[in-house]
Amino acid sequence: MSVSNKKAKDRIINALGDLYRVERHSTGMSSAQESAVKDAISALEAEYMAILTASGPASYLKVTDEFKNAKSELDTIVAERTAIANSFVTAAKILGSITQVLKLF
């Protein structure tokens, strides 16, 4: 799913509005919760400013493509690690069998 800069701006503005309301009207939040809300607001404000200064409408499309590529690469890593784990299990079984045979001598 690709997101245009306009959609991203709209979503960020909506999220910021919600967070501003939480920040101003929520009572009884712990200091950690207050800090988390402030951190989220800061991050969204920074992202909003980055979108305002982004060059061209394709910047979020590029990010989406990069995520797709990263997912593909991570899937490859998972498959390779699974194959290595299976090889280790097979090697352990073989070594176990050899150990049992060597105990006979």
C-alpha atoms as a PDB file:
ATOM      1  CA  MET A   1       0.000   0.000   0.000  1.00  0.00           C
ATOM      2  CA  SER A   2       1.506   3.296  -0.999  1.00  0.00           C
ATOM      3  CA  VAL A   3       0.780   6.519   0.827  1.00  0.00           C
ATOM      4  CA  SER A   4       0.964   9.894  -0.857  1.00  0.00           C
ATOM      5  CA  ASN A   5       2.488  12.841   0.961  1.00  0.00           C
ATOM      6  CA  LYS A   6      -0.969  14.438   1.248  1.00  0.00           C
ATOM      7  CA  LYS A   7      -2.416  11.332   2.916  1.00  0.00           C
ATOM      8  CA  ALA A   8       0.610  11.119   5.193  1.00  0.00           C
ATOM      9  CA  LYS A   9       0.205  14.780   6.185  1.00  0.00           C
ATOM     10  CA  ASP A  10      -3.497  14.249   6.906  1.00  0.00           C
ATOM     11  CA  ARG A  11      -2.811  11.169   9.021  1.00  0.00           C
ATOM     12  CA  ILE A  12      -0.051  12.911  10.940  1.00  0.00           C
ATOM     13  CA  ILE A  13      -2.269  15.944  11.602  1.00  0.00           C
ATOM     14  CA  ASN A  14      -5.060  13.670  12.867  1.00  0.00           C
ATOM     15  CA  ALA A  15      -2.658  11.737  15.091  1.00  0.00           C
ATOM     16  CA  LEU A  16      -1.147  14.964  16.420  1.00  0.00           C
ATOM     17  CA  GLY A  17      -4.616  16.291  17.237  1.00  0.00           C
ATOM     18  CA  ASP A  18      -5.382  13.132  19.193  1.00  0.00           C
ATOM     19  CA  LEU A  19      -2.066  13.279  21.036  1.00  0.00           C
ATOM     20  CA  TYR A  20      -2.490  16.975  21.860  1.00  0.00           C
ATOM     21  CA  ARG A  21      -5.900  16.171  23.381  1.00  0.00           C
ATOM     22  CA  VAL A  22      -4.419  13.301  25.384  1.00  0.00           C
ATOM     23  CA  GLU A  23      -1.589  15.540  26.574  1.00  0.00           C
ATOM     24  CA  ARG A  24      -3.904  18.360  27.669  1.00  0.00           C
ATOM     25  CA  HIS A  25      -6.929  16.511  29.005  1.00  0.00           C
ATOM     26  CA  SER A  26      -5.706  13.218  30.437  1.00  0.00           C
ATOM     27  CA  THR A  27      -5.279  13.193  34.167  1.00  0.00           C
ATOM     28  CA  GLY A  28      -3.526  10.630  36.265  1.00  0.00           C
ATOM     29  CA  MET A  29      -0.895   9.698  33.703  1.00  0.00           C
ATOM     30  CA  SER A  30       2.406   8.519  35.083  1.00  0.00           C
ATOM     31  CA  SER A  31       5.521  10.489  34.235  1.00  0.00           C
ATOM     32  CA  ALA A  32       6.556   7.678  31.879  1.00  0.00           C
ATOM     33  CA  GLN A  33       3.218   7.933  30.058  1.00  0.00           C
ATOM     34  CA  GLU A  34       3.499  11.720  29.826  1.00  0.00           C
ATOM     35  CA  SER A  35       7.020  11.344  28.475  1.00  0.00           C
ATOM     36  CA  ALA A  36       5.873   8.767  25.913  1.00  0.00           C
ATOM     37  CA  VAL A  37       3.111  11.089  24.688  1.00  0.00           C
ATOM     38  CA  LYS A  38       5.557  14.010  24.402  1.00  0.00           C
ATOM     39  CA  ASP A  39       8.064  11.822  22.549  1.00  0.00           C
ATOM     40  CA  ALA A  40       5.362  10.684  20.124  1.00  0.00           C
ATOM     41  CA  ILE A  41       4.299  14.285  19.532  1.00  0.00           C
ATOM     42  CA  SER A  42       7.887  15.351  18.887  1.00  0.00           C
ATOM     43  CA  ALA A  43       8.450  12.490  16.457  1.00  0.00           C
ATOM     44  CA  LEU A  44       5.248  13.235  14.538  1.00  0.00           C
ATOM     45  CA  GLU A  45       6.015  16.952  14.408  1.00  0.00           C
ATOM     46  CA  ALA A  46       9.471  16.163  13.020  1.00  0.00           C
ATOM     47  CA  GLU A  47       7.979  13.811  10.433  1.00  0.00           C
ATOM     48  CA  TYR A  48       5.413  16.439   9.444  1.00  0.00           C
ATOM     49  CA  MET A  49       8.175  19.007   8.934  1.00  0.00           C
ATOM     50  CA  ALA A  50      10.135  16.481   6.887  1.00  0.00           C
ATOM     51  CA  ILE A  51       7.116  15.956   4.633  1.00  0.00           C
ATOM     52  CA  LEU A  52       6.690  19.700   4.170  1.00  0.00           C
ATOM     53  CA  THR A  53      10.269  19.969   2.942  1.00  0.00           C
ATOM     54  CA  ALA A  54      10.294  16.678   1.003  1.00  0.00           C
ATOM     55  CA  SER A  55      11.184  16.896  -2.646  1.00  0.00           C
ATOM     56  CA  GLY A  56       8.394  15.646  -4.823  1.00  0.00           C
ATOM     57  CA  PRO A  57       5.340  13.504  -4.279  1.00  0.00           C
ATOM     58  CA  ALA A  58       7.206  10.216  -4.642  1.00  0.00           C
ATOM     59  CA  SER A  59       9.104  10.336  -1.367  1.00  0.00           C
ATOM     60  CA  TYR A  60       6.648   8.123   0.527  1.00  0.00           C
ATOM     61  CA  LEU A  61       6.374   5.811  -2.465  1.00  0.00           C
ATOM     62  CA  LYS A  62      10.139   5.408  -2.301  1.00  0.00           C
ATOM     63  CA  VAL A  63       9.955   4.609   1.412  1.00  0.00           C
ATOM     64  CA  THR A  64       7.230   2.035   0.738  1.00  0.00           C
ATOM     65  CA  ASP A  65       9.394   0.386  -1.918  1.00  0.00           C
ATOM     66  CA  GLU A  66      12.359   0.321   0.457  1.00  0.00           C
ATOM     67  CA  PHE A  67      10.220  -1.416   3.088  1.00  0.00           C
ATOM     68  CA  LYS A  68       9.122  -4.007   0.529  1.00  0.00           C
ATOM     69  CA  ASN A  69      12.753  -4.634  -0.416  1.00  0.00           C
ATOM     70  CA  ALA A  70      13.757  -4.870   3.236  1.00  0.00           C
ATOM     71  CA  LYS A  71      10.959  -7.363   3.913  1.00  0.00           C
ATOM     72  CA  SER A  72      12.097  -9.495   1.015  1.00  0.00           C
ATOM     73  CA  GLU A  73      15.668  -9.453   2.295  1.00  0.00           C
ATOM     74  CA  LEU A  74      14.525 -10.302   5.830  1.00  0.00           C
ATOM     75  CA  ASP A  75      12.465 -13.209   4.495  1.00  0.00           C
ATOM     76  CA  THR A  76      15.612 -14.488   2.771  1.00  0.00           C
ATOM     77  CA  ILE A  77      17.573 -14.206   6.018  1.00  0.00           C
ATOM     78  CA  VAL A  78      14.861 -16.105   7.898  1.00  0.00           C
ATOM     79  CA  ALA A  79      14.926 -18.884   5.293  1.00  0.00           C
ATOM     80  CA  GLU A  80      18.720 -19.095   5.464  1.00  0.00           C
ATOM     81  CA  ARG A  81      18.703 -19.221   9.264  1.00  0.00           C
ATOM     82  CA  THR A  82      16.066 -21.944   9.212  1.00  0.00           C
ATOM     83  CA  ALA A  83      18.219 -23.962   6.804  1.00  0.00           C
ATOM     84  CA  ILE A  84      21.259 -23.481   9.055  1.00  0.00           C
ATOM     85  CA  ALA A  85      19.268 -24.540  12.115  1.00  0.00           C
ATOM     86  CA  ASN A  86      18.101 -27.666  10.289  1.00  0.00           C
ATOM     87  CA  SER A  87      21.699 -28.412   9.283  1.00  0.00           C
ATOM     88  CA  PHE A  88      22.822 -28.110  12.899  1.00  0.00           C
ATOM     89  CA  VAL A  89      20.081 -30.502  14.007  1.00  0.00           C
ATOM     90  CA  THR A  90      21.108 -32.990  11.317  1.00  0.00           C
ATOM     91  CA  ALA A  91      24.781 -32.645  12.284  1.00  0.00           C
ATOM     92  CA  ALA A  92      23.936 -33.167  15.952  1.00  0.00           C
ATOM     93  CA  LYS A  93      22.008 -36.342  15.108  1.00  0.00           C
ATOM     94  CA  ILE A  94      24.905 -37.655  13.020  1.00  0.00           C
ATOM     95  CA  LEU A  95      27.403 -36.867  15.785  1.00  0.00           C
ATOM     96  CA  GLY A  96      25.135 -38.562  18.301  1.00  0.00           C
ATOM     97  CA  SER A  97      24.998 -41.689  16.149  1.00  0.00           C
ATOM     98  CA  ILE A  98      28.769 -41.691  15.627  1.00  0.00           C
ATOM     99  CA  THR A  99      29.307 -41.260  19.370  1.00  0.00           C
ATOM    100  CA  GLN A 100      27.122 -44.283  20.056  1.00  0.00           C
ATOM    101  CA  VAL A 101      29.050 -46.372  17.517  1.00  0.00           C
ATOM    102  CA  LEU A 102      32.412 -45.265  18.939  1.00  0.00           C
ATOM    103  CA  LYS A 103      31.283 -46.257  22.440  1.00  0.00           C
ATOM    104  CA  LEU A 104      31.057 -49.826  21.169  1.00  0.00           C
ATOM    105  CA  PHE A 105      34.839 -49.958  20.629  1.00  0.00           C
END
